[in-house]
Amino acid sequence: MFIKQLKYDFMFSAKTFFAMFAGILALTFFVSIADFLPNDMLEIMRILIVGVGGAAVAIASYLQILIFYQRSFFGPEGYLMLTLPVSRGKLLASKFITTFVWFLFMLILIPIMVFIIEPPTVQTVWEVIREIVTGQFVAGLITNMLLPAFVLIALLFFTITLANSVVFGKKVHGVVAGIVSAALHFFYIFGLARLSQRSFATERIYGSHDGFEWSFYADVPLVGIEYGRIAIGEGIREFVDIFSIAYTVGVAILVIATTMHLLKKRIALR
């Protein structure tokens, strides 16, 4: 039954997400072949499409996830869904898997937009592929993108669930849920920033180019198990931060557990 529910969630959300992604790609392709525009204007348009378009994809995807979760859990479909022989934990897991897959589509869409506007050479493609298959890229993607995205999706689900819950005998107002959510977002990002700033040492960095030499002082992260960082490359920033990963996973577990409690005990369907 869980597989059927997952299939339904993908079918329920696919039309909206595919339409949004297709529209953005069509606009990107149109700008890439718009030779009738002046060169200066065309270059500005391409920059705007990549910059503003990338931000629009992220924001629109976030809003679509919000609408999808609200409608499927707390809209008219929610009555039917909660009568299915599937636990609420599995229903929530289905929503997580669905939205996370769309998030991955969003990540893939942004470089596609860049490639459409500025077609890469064969050498560039091979360089990108070689960079992607490295352990450093994969570790960076997981720790810096996928895990934080998982927490942000969990916080979004928590916010919507809280806004549809009864606490202390009264339904939580949407404004109150928004304030709680903003506070949780702030403390999560603040805690992550504080963790990333720990255990640094000031070192003198040397460099040279075309016979010109320079040096400057910079704060360099201390890498080693004792500092909670595991080196995965030779660069000063090529490491996996164990403490940050543990913090992110801990926040995700806490938020999901709270959301599950609200779903089981507190939700108030319209």
C-alpha atoms as a PDB file:
ATOM      1  CA  MET A   1       0.000   0.000   0.000  1.00  0.00           C
ATOM      2  CA  PHE A   2       2.917   2.346   0.692  1.00  0.00           C
ATOM      3  CA  ILE A   3       4.167   1.934  -2.899  1.00  0.00           C
ATOM      4  CA  LYS A   4       0.689   2.780  -4.203  1.00  0.00           C
ATOM      5  CA  GLN A   5       0.593   5.867  -2.006  1.00  0.00           C
ATOM      6  CA  LEU A   6       4.027   6.928  -3.245  1.00  0.00           C
ATOM      7  CA  LYS A   7       2.873   6.445  -6.847  1.00  0.00           C
ATOM      8  CA  TYR A   8      -0.233   8.534  -6.164  1.00  0.00           C
ATOM      9  CA  ASP A   9       1.840  11.352  -4.626  1.00  0.00           C
ATOM     10  CA  PHE A  10       4.092  11.483  -7.690  1.00  0.00           C
ATOM     11  CA  MET A  11       1.106  11.500 -10.040  1.00  0.00           C
ATOM     12  CA  PHE A  12      -0.641  14.150  -7.930  1.00  0.00           C
ATOM     13  CA  SER A  13       2.336  16.520  -8.030  1.00  0.00           C
ATOM     14  CA  ALA A  14       3.933  15.682 -11.384  1.00  0.00           C
ATOM     15  CA  LYS A  15       1.774  17.884 -13.618  1.00  0.00           C
ATOM     16  CA  THR A  16       2.486  21.028 -11.622  1.00  0.00           C
ATOM     17  CA  PHE A  17       6.222  20.470 -11.271  1.00  0.00           C
ATOM     18  CA  PHE A  18       6.757  19.350 -14.859  1.00  0.00           C
ATOM     19  CA  ALA A  19       4.773  22.310 -16.155  1.00  0.00           C
ATOM     20  CA  MET A  20       6.866  24.707 -14.065  1.00  0.00           C
ATOM     21  CA  PHE A  21      10.183  23.147 -15.117  1.00  0.00           C
ATOM     22  CA  ALA A  22       9.130  22.982 -18.783  1.00  0.00           C
ATOM     23  CA  GLY A  23       8.120  26.645 -18.764  1.00  0.00           C
ATOM     24  CA  ILE A  24      11.461  27.749 -17.343  1.00  0.00           C
ATOM     25  CA  LEU A  25      13.410  25.599 -19.817  1.00  0.00           C
ATOM     26  CA  ALA A  26      11.333  26.919 -22.725  1.00  0.00           C
ATOM     27  CA  LEU A  27      12.048  30.506 -21.687  1.00  0.00           C
ATOM     28  CA  THR A  28      15.746  29.703 -21.314  1.00  0.00           C
ATOM     29  CA  PHE A  29      15.846  28.114 -24.772  1.00  0.00           C
ATOM     30  CA  PHE A  30      14.015  31.078 -26.313  1.00  0.00           C
ATOM     31  CA  VAL A  31      16.550  33.542 -24.888  1.00  0.00           C
ATOM     32  CA  SER A  32      19.443  31.351 -26.076  1.00  0.00           C
ATOM     33  CA  ILE A  33      18.285  31.637 -29.728  1.00  0.00           C
ATOM     34  CA  ALA A  34      16.946  35.203 -29.616  1.00  0.00           C
ATOM     35  CA  ASP A  35      19.367  36.601 -32.186  1.00  0.00           C
ATOM     36  CA  PHE A  36      17.006  39.486 -32.967  1.00  0.00           C
ATOM     37  CA  LEU A  37      17.946  41.142 -29.673  1.00  0.00           C
ATOM     38  CA  PRO A  38      20.977  43.488 -29.532  1.00  0.00           C
ATOM     39  CA  ASN A  39      24.110  41.736 -28.265  1.00  0.00           C
ATOM     40  CA  ASP A  40      24.249  43.790 -25.058  1.00  0.00           C
ATOM     41  CA  MET A  41      20.580  43.168 -24.340  1.00  0.00           C
ATOM     42  CA  LEU A  42      20.938  39.459 -25.141  1.00  0.00           C
ATOM     43  CA  GLU A  43      23.848  39.080 -22.718  1.00  0.00           C
ATOM     44  CA  ILE A  44      21.896  40.845 -19.968  1.00  0.00           C
ATOM     45  CA  MET A  45      18.886  38.619 -20.621  1.00  0.00           C
ATOM     46  CA  ARG A  46      21.008  35.495 -20.401  1.00  0.00           C
ATOM     47  CA  ILE A  47      22.506  36.570 -17.100  1.00  0.00           C
ATOM     48  CA  LEU A  48      19.060  37.392 -15.745  1.00  0.00           C
ATOM     49  CA  ILE A  49      17.651  34.055 -16.884  1.00  0.00           C
ATOM     50  CA  VAL A  50      20.427  32.110 -15.144  1.00  0.00           C
ATOM     51  CA  GLY A  51      20.438  34.229 -11.980  1.00  0.00           C
ATOM     52  CA  VAL A  52      16.791  35.124 -11.536  1.00  0.00           C
ATOM     53  CA  GLY A  53      15.623  31.904 -13.197  1.00  0.00           C
ATOM     54  CA  GLY A  54      17.680  29.766 -10.802  1.00  0.00           C
ATOM     55  CA  ALA A  55      16.258  31.636  -7.806  1.00  0.00           C
ATOM     56  CA  ALA A  56      12.762  31.378  -9.272  1.00  0.00           C
ATOM     57  CA  VAL A  57      13.115  27.612  -9.673  1.00  0.00           C
ATOM     58  CA  ALA A  58      14.142  27.276  -6.024  1.00  0.00           C
ATOM     59  CA  ILE A  59      11.366  29.548  -4.689  1.00  0.00           C
ATOM     60  CA  ALA A  60       8.676  28.098  -6.952  1.00  0.00           C
ATOM     61  CA  SER A  61       9.678  24.549  -6.014  1.00  0.00           C
ATOM     62  CA  TYR A  62       9.516  25.445  -2.321  1.00  0.00           C
ATOM     63  CA  LEU A  63       6.042  26.956  -2.753  1.00  0.00           C
ATOM     64  CA  GLN A  64       4.853  23.968  -4.774  1.00  0.00           C
ATOM     65  CA  ILE A  65       6.059  21.630  -2.025  1.00  0.00           C
ATOM     66  CA  LEU A  66       4.082  23.718   0.484  1.00  0.00           C
ATOM     67  CA  ILE A  67       0.912  23.586  -1.631  1.00  0.00           C
ATOM     68  CA  PHE A  68       1.340  19.875  -2.343  1.00  0.00           C
ATOM     69  CA  TYR A  69       1.694  18.976   1.338  1.00  0.00           C
ATOM     70  CA  GLN A  70      -1.162  21.252   2.426  1.00  0.00           C
ATOM     71  CA  ARG A  71      -3.592  19.975  -0.190  1.00  0.00           C
ATOM     72  CA  SER A  72      -2.736  16.285   0.082  1.00  0.00           C
ATOM     73  CA  PHE A  73      -2.727  16.112   3.888  1.00  0.00           C
ATOM     74  CA  PHE A  74      -5.069  18.845   5.092  1.00  0.00           C
ATOM     75  CA  GLY A  75      -7.222  19.610   2.061  1.00  0.00           C
ATOM     76  CA  PRO A  76     -10.220  17.607   0.847  1.00  0.00           C
ATOM     77  CA  GLU A  77      -7.878  14.766  -0.162  1.00  0.00           C
ATOM     78  CA  GLY A  78      -6.721  14.517   3.445  1.00  0.00           C
ATOM     79  CA  TYR A  79      -9.958  12.912   4.610  1.00  0.00           C
ATOM     80  CA  LEU A  80      -9.549  10.107   2.097  1.00  0.00           C
ATOM     81  CA  MET A  81      -5.833   9.727   2.674  1.00  0.00           C
ATOM     82  CA  LEU A  82      -6.139   9.363   6.443  1.00  0.00           C
ATOM     83  CA  THR A  83      -8.672   6.549   6.006  1.00  0.00           C
ATOM     84  CA  LEU A  84      -6.239   4.477   3.949  1.00  0.00           C
ATOM     85  CA  PRO A  85      -4.641   1.402   5.578  1.00  0.00           C
ATOM     86  CA  VAL A  86      -1.299   3.208   5.754  1.00  0.00           C
ATOM     87  CA  SER A  87       0.262   4.577   8.934  1.00  0.00           C
ATOM     88  CA  ARG A  88       0.746   8.323   9.196  1.00  0.00           C
ATOM     89  CA  GLY A  89       4.468   7.728   9.425  1.00  0.00           C
ATOM     90  CA  LYS A  90       4.418   6.085   5.989  1.00  0.00           C
ATOM     91  CA  LEU A  91       2.206   8.856   4.624  1.00  0.00           C
ATOM     92  CA  LEU A  92       4.727  11.413   5.834  1.00  0.00           C
ATOM     93  CA  ALA A  93       7.593   9.350   4.420  1.00  0.00           C
ATOM     94  CA  SER A  94       5.829   9.264   1.046  1.00  0.00           C
ATOM     95  CA  LYS A  95       5.571  13.068   1.066  1.00  0.00           C
ATOM     96  CA  PHE A  96       9.255  13.367   1.974  1.00  0.00           C
ATOM     97  CA  ILE A  97      10.378  11.042  -0.817  1.00  0.00           C
ATOM     98  CA  THR A  98       8.201  12.801  -3.387  1.00  0.00           C
ATOM     99  CA  THR A  99       9.328  16.314  -2.492  1.00  0.00           C
ATOM    100  CA  PHE A 100      12.973  15.271  -2.231  1.00  0.00           C
ATOM    101  CA  VAL A 101      12.874  13.804  -5.742  1.00  0.00           C
ATOM    102  CA  TRP A 102      11.463  17.107  -7.048  1.00  0.00           C
ATOM    103  CA  PHE A 103      14.236  18.921  -5.200  1.00  0.00           C
ATOM    104  CA  LEU A 104      16.788  16.774  -7.035  1.00  0.00           C
ATOM    105  CA  PHE A 105      15.089  17.661 -10.310  1.00  0.00           C
ATOM    106  CA  MET A 106      15.493  21.313  -9.363  1.00  0.00           C
ATOM    107  CA  LEU A 107      19.224  20.802  -8.768  1.00  0.00           C
ATOM    108  CA  ILE A 108      19.586  19.178 -12.191  1.00  0.00           C
ATOM    109  CA  LEU A 109      17.538  21.895 -13.890  1.00  0.00           C
ATOM    110  CA  ILE A 110      19.842  24.792 -12.960  1.00  0.00           C
ATOM    111  CA  PRO A 111      23.000  23.461 -14.733  1.00  0.00           C
ATOM    112  CA  ILE A 112      20.816  22.510 -17.706  1.00  0.00           C
ATOM    113  CA  MET A 113      19.753  26.161 -17.940  1.00  0.00           C
ATOM    114  CA  VAL A 114      23.416  27.216 -17.936  1.00  0.00           C
ATOM    115  CA  PHE A 115      24.287  24.673 -20.643  1.00  0.00           C
ATOM    116  CA  ILE A 116      21.392  25.833 -22.850  1.00  0.00           C
ATOM    117  CA  ILE A 117      22.457  29.474 -22.659  1.00  0.00           C
ATOM    118  CA  GLU A 118      26.181  28.759 -22.928  1.00  0.00           C
ATOM    119  CA  PRO A 119      26.732  25.393 -24.664  1.00  0.00           C
ATOM    120  CA  PRO A 120      29.859  23.776 -23.184  1.00  0.00           C
ATOM    121  CA  THR A 121      32.754  22.307 -25.120  1.00  0.00           C
ATOM    122  CA  VAL A 122      33.509  18.583 -25.026  1.00  0.00           C
ATOM    123  CA  GLN A 123      36.482  19.296 -22.771  1.00  0.00           C
ATOM    124  CA  THR A 124      34.289  21.228 -20.354  1.00  0.00           C
ATOM    125  CA  VAL A 125      31.764  18.385 -20.237  1.00  0.00           C
ATOM    126  CA  TRP A 126      34.486  15.857 -19.418  1.00  0.00           C
ATOM    127  CA  GLU A 127      35.869  18.157 -16.714  1.00  0.00           C
ATOM    128  CA  VAL A 128      32.418  18.480 -15.174  1.00  0.00           C
ATOM    129  CA  ILE A 129      31.885  14.703 -15.281  1.00  0.00           C
ATOM    130  CA  ARG A 130      35.307  14.088 -13.722  1.00  0.00           C
ATOM    131  CA  GLU A 131      34.486  16.570 -10.969  1.00  0.00           C
ATOM    132  CA  ILE A 132      31.095  14.967 -10.314  1.00  0.00           C
ATOM    133  CA  VAL A 133      32.429  11.426  -9.894  1.00  0.00           C
ATOM    134  CA  THR A 134      34.991  12.478  -7.287  1.00  0.00           C
ATOM    135  CA  GLY A 135      34.300  11.659  -3.671  1.00  0.00           C
ATOM    136  CA  GLN A 136      34.880  15.295  -2.779  1.00  0.00           C
ATOM    137  CA  PHE A 137      31.972  16.444  -4.947  1.00  0.00           C
ATOM    138  CA  VAL A 138      29.623  13.755  -3.616  1.00  0.00           C
ATOM    139  CA  ALA A 139      30.552  14.490   0.013  1.00  0.00           C
ATOM    140  CA  GLY A 140      30.104  18.217  -0.539  1.00  0.00           C
ATOM    141  CA  LEU A 141      26.740  17.695  -2.250  1.00  0.00           C
ATOM    142  CA  ILE A 142      25.444  15.552   0.611  1.00  0.00           C
ATOM    143  CA  THR A 143      26.713  17.686   3.484  1.00  0.00           C
ATOM    144  CA  ASN A 144      26.205  21.149   1.993  1.00  0.00           C
ATOM    145  CA  MET A 145      23.083  20.645  -0.110  1.00  0.00           C
ATOM    146  CA  LEU A 146      21.059  17.466   0.419  1.00  0.00           C
ATOM    147  CA  LEU A 147      21.103  17.252   4.224  1.00  0.00           C
ATOM    148  CA  PRO A 148      20.266  20.960   4.759  1.00  0.00           C
ATOM    149  CA  ALA A 149      17.529  20.638   2.111  1.00  0.00           C
ATOM    150  CA  PHE A 150      16.099  17.657   4.010  1.00  0.00           C
ATOM    151  CA  VAL A 151      15.956  19.769   7.188  1.00  0.00           C
ATOM    152  CA  LEU A 152      14.308  22.687   5.374  1.00  0.00           C
ATOM    153  CA  ILE A 153      11.663  20.375   3.906  1.00  0.00           C
ATOM    154  CA  ALA A 154      11.098  18.887   7.370  1.00  0.00           C
ATOM    155  CA  LEU A 155      10.682  22.407   8.815  1.00  0.00           C
ATOM    156  CA  LEU A 156       8.215  23.268   6.054  1.00  0.00           C
ATOM    157  CA  PHE A 157       6.165  20.143   6.776  1.00  0.00           C
ATOM    158  CA  PHE A 158       6.270  20.936  10.496  1.00  0.00           C
ATOM    159  CA  THR A 159       5.049  24.497   9.881  1.00  0.00           C
ATOM    160  CA  ILE A 160       2.068  23.368   7.811  1.00  0.00           C
ATOM    161  CA  THR A 161       1.223  20.598  10.287  1.00  0.00           C
ATOM    162  CA  LEU A 162       1.426  23.039  13.212  1.00  0.00           C
ATOM    163  CA  ALA A 163      -0.868  25.478  11.383  1.00  0.00           C
ATOM    164  CA  ASN A 164      -3.426  22.661  11.124  1.00  0.00           C
ATOM    165  CA  SER A 165      -3.099  21.436  14.712  1.00  0.00           C
ATOM    166  CA  VAL A 166      -4.913  21.986  17.989  1.00  0.00           C
ATOM    167  CA  VAL A 167      -2.665  22.944  20.918  1.00  0.00           C
ATOM    168  CA  PHE A 168      -3.941  23.786  24.419  1.00  0.00           C
ATOM    169  CA  GLY A 169      -7.485  23.322  23.170  1.00  0.00           C
ATOM    170  CA  LYS A 170      -7.251  25.887  20.363  1.00  0.00           C
ATOM    171  CA  LYS A 171      -6.337  25.671  16.705  1.00  0.00           C
ATOM    172  CA  VAL A 172      -2.928  27.206  16.087  1.00  0.00           C
ATOM    173  CA  HIS A 173      -3.140  30.436  14.093  1.00  0.00           C
ATOM    174  CA  GLY A 174      -1.187  30.509  10.831  1.00  0.00           C
ATOM    175  CA  VAL A 175       0.741  33.587  11.980  1.00  0.00           C
ATOM    176  CA  VAL A 176       1.845  31.810  15.147  1.00  0.00           C
ATOM    177  CA  ALA A 177       2.958  28.785  13.128  1.00  0.00           C
ATOM    178  CA  GLY A 178       4.886  31.104  10.786  1.00  0.00           C
ATOM    179  CA  ILE A 179       6.657  32.818  13.694  1.00  0.00           C
ATOM    180  CA  VAL A 180       7.609  29.458  15.235  1.00  0.00           C
ATOM    181  CA  SER A 181       8.857  28.270  11.854  1.00  0.00           C
ATOM    182  CA  ALA A 182      10.922  31.433  11.285  1.00  0.00           C
ATOM    183  CA  ALA A 183      12.481  31.023  14.723  1.00  0.00           C
ATOM    184  CA  LEU A 184      13.352  27.381  14.047  1.00  0.00           C
ATOM    185  CA  HIS A 185      14.866  28.296  10.657  1.00  0.00           C
ATOM    186  CA  PHE A 186      16.931  31.022  12.309  1.00  0.00           C
ATOM    187  CA  PHE A 187      18.248  28.820  15.115  1.00  0.00           C
ATOM    188  CA  TYR A 188      19.095  25.989  12.718  1.00  0.00           C
ATOM    189  CA  ILE A 189      21.019  28.247  10.331  1.00  0.00           C
ATOM    190  CA  PHE A 190      22.631  30.148  13.215  1.00  0.00           C
ATOM    191  CA  GLY A 191      23.761  26.895  14.864  1.00  0.00           C
ATOM    192  CA  LEU A 192      25.141  25.598  11.571  1.00  0.00           C
ATOM    193  CA  ALA A 193      27.040  28.850  11.029  1.00  0.00           C
ATOM    194  CA  ARG A 194      28.499  28.735  14.533  1.00  0.00           C
ATOM    195  CA  LEU A 195      29.661  25.153  14.036  1.00  0.00           C
ATOM    196  CA  SER A 196      31.365  26.060  10.754  1.00  0.00           C
ATOM    197  CA  GLN A 197      33.310  28.858  12.481  1.00  0.00           C
ATOM    198  CA  ARG A 198      34.957  26.735  15.165  1.00  0.00           C
ATOM    199  CA  SER A 199      38.620  25.603  15.387  1.00  0.00           C
ATOM    200  CA  PHE A 200      40.399  27.915  12.966  1.00  0.00           C
ATOM    201  CA  ALA A 201      44.047  28.896  12.873  1.00  0.00           C
ATOM    202  CA  THR A 202      45.573  31.969  11.247  1.00  0.00           C
ATOM    203  CA  GLU A 203      48.125  31.017   8.602  1.00  0.00           C
ATOM    204  CA  ARG A 204      50.087  32.829   5.937  1.00  0.00           C
ATOM    205  CA  ILE A 205      49.034  31.777   2.432  1.00  0.00           C
ATOM    206  CA  TYR A 206      51.518  32.068  -0.445  1.00  0.00           C
ATOM    207  CA  GLY A 207      50.786  32.155  -4.175  1.00  0.00           C
ATOM    208  CA  SER A 208      52.235  33.138  -7.519  1.00  0.00           C
ATOM    209  CA  HIS A 209      51.145  33.707 -11.116  1.00  0.00           C
ATOM    210  CA  ASP A 210      53.183  34.736 -14.178  1.00  0.00           C
ATOM    211  CA  GLY A 211      56.183  35.598 -12.043  1.00  0.00           C
ATOM    212  CA  PHE A 212      54.134  37.665  -9.613  1.00  0.00           C
ATOM    213  CA  GLU A 213      54.173  36.413  -6.007  1.00  0.00           C
ATOM    214  CA  TRP A 214      51.886  37.332  -3.168  1.00  0.00           C
ATOM    215  CA  SER A 215      51.011  36.288   0.354  1.00  0.00           C
ATOM    216  CA  PHE A 216      48.251  37.026   2.840  1.00  0.00           C
ATOM    217  CA  TYR A 217      47.004  35.873   6.219  1.00  0.00           C
ATOM    218  CA  ALA A 218      43.815  33.824   6.399  1.00  0.00           C
ATOM    219  CA  ASP A 219      41.840  31.779   8.902  1.00  0.00           C
ATOM    220  CA  VAL A 220      42.322  28.127   7.968  1.00  0.00           C
ATOM    221  CA  PRO A 221      40.087  25.353   9.422  1.00  0.00           C
ATOM    222  CA  LEU A 222      41.918  22.797  11.545  1.00  0.00           C
ATOM    223  CA  VAL A 223      41.267  19.339  10.084  1.00  0.00           C
ATOM    224  CA  GLY A 224      41.400  16.089  12.034  1.00  0.00           C
ATOM    225  CA  ILE A 225      39.212  13.763  14.068  1.00  0.00           C
ATOM    226  CA  GLU A 226      39.896  15.844  17.187  1.00  0.00           C
ATOM    227  CA  TYR A 227      38.358  18.849  15.415  1.00  0.00           C
ATOM    228  CA  GLY A 228      35.410  16.891  14.033  1.00  0.00           C
ATOM    229  CA  ARG A 229      36.627  17.158  10.449  1.00  0.00           C
ATOM    230  CA  ILE A 230      37.722  14.357   8.102  1.00  0.00           C
ATOM    231  CA  ALA A 231      39.960  15.318   5.177  1.00  0.00           C
ATOM    232  CA  ILE A 232      38.790  14.128   1.741  1.00  0.00           C
ATOM    233  CA  GLY A 233      41.266  16.067  -0.392  1.00  0.00           C
ATOM    234  CA  GLU A 234      44.398  18.145  -0.291  1.00  0.00           C
ATOM    235  CA  GLY A 235      42.771  21.603  -0.230  1.00  0.00           C
ATOM    236  CA  ILE A 236      42.198  23.536   2.992  1.00  0.00           C
ATOM    237  CA  ARG A 237      38.417  23.345   2.439  1.00  0.00           C
ATOM    238  CA  GLU A 238      38.272  19.718   1.336  1.00  0.00           C
ATOM    239  CA  PHE A 239      36.881  17.963   4.379  1.00  0.00           C
ATOM    240  CA  VAL A 240      33.684  16.509   5.859  1.00  0.00           C
ATOM    241  CA  ASP A 241      32.479  18.200   9.023  1.00  0.00           C
ATOM    242  CA  ILE A 242      31.176  15.462  11.335  1.00  0.00           C
ATOM    243  CA  PHE A 243      29.747  17.885  13.910  1.00  0.00           C
ATOM    244  CA  SER A 244      27.735  19.796  11.298  1.00  0.00           C
ATOM    245  CA  ILE A 245      26.357  16.557   9.852  1.00  0.00           C
ATOM    246  CA  ALA A 246      25.408  15.278  13.324  1.00  0.00           C
ATOM    247  CA  TYR A 247      23.760  18.611  14.145  1.00  0.00           C
ATOM    248  CA  THR A 248      21.761  18.609  10.897  1.00  0.00           C
ATOM    249  CA  VAL A 249      20.650  14.991  11.345  1.00  0.00           C
ATOM    250  CA  GLY A 250      19.702  15.702  14.978  1.00  0.00           C
ATOM    251  CA  VAL A 251      17.584  18.710  14.012  1.00  0.00           C
ATOM    252  CA  ALA A 252      15.899  16.680  11.245  1.00  0.00           C
ATOM    253  CA  ILE A 253      15.037  13.840  13.654  1.00  0.00           C
ATOM    254  CA  LEU A 254      13.652  16.276  16.260  1.00  0.00           C
ATOM    255  CA  VAL A 255      11.520  18.151  13.713  1.00  0.00           C
ATOM    256  CA  ILE A 256      10.192  14.954  12.105  1.00  0.00           C
ATOM    257  CA  ALA A 257       9.390  13.427  15.513  1.00  0.00           C
ATOM    258  CA  THR A 258       7.469  16.572  16.501  1.00  0.00           C
ATOM    259  CA  THR A 259       5.608  16.558  13.191  1.00  0.00           C
ATOM    260  CA  MET A 260       4.691  12.901  13.693  1.00  0.00           C
ATOM    261  CA  HIS A 261       3.349  13.683  17.185  1.00  0.00           C
ATOM    262  CA  LEU A 262       1.180  16.460  15.782  1.00  0.00           C
ATOM    263  CA  LEU A 263      -0.094  14.216  12.980  1.00  0.00           C
ATOM    264  CA  LYS A 264      -1.058  11.467  15.427  1.00  0.00           C
ATOM    265  CA  LYS A 265      -2.507  13.564  18.248  1.00  0.00           C
ATOM    266  CA  ARG A 266      -3.165  17.161  17.269  1.00  0.00           C
ATOM    267  CA  ILE A 267      -4.246  17.669  13.684  1.00  0.00           C
ATOM    268  CA  ALA A 268      -7.577  19.389  12.995  1.00  0.00           C
ATOM    269  CA  LEU A 269      -8.884  18.634   9.507  1.00  0.00           C
ATOM    270  CA  ARG A 270     -11.199  21.218   8.005  1.00  0.00           C
END
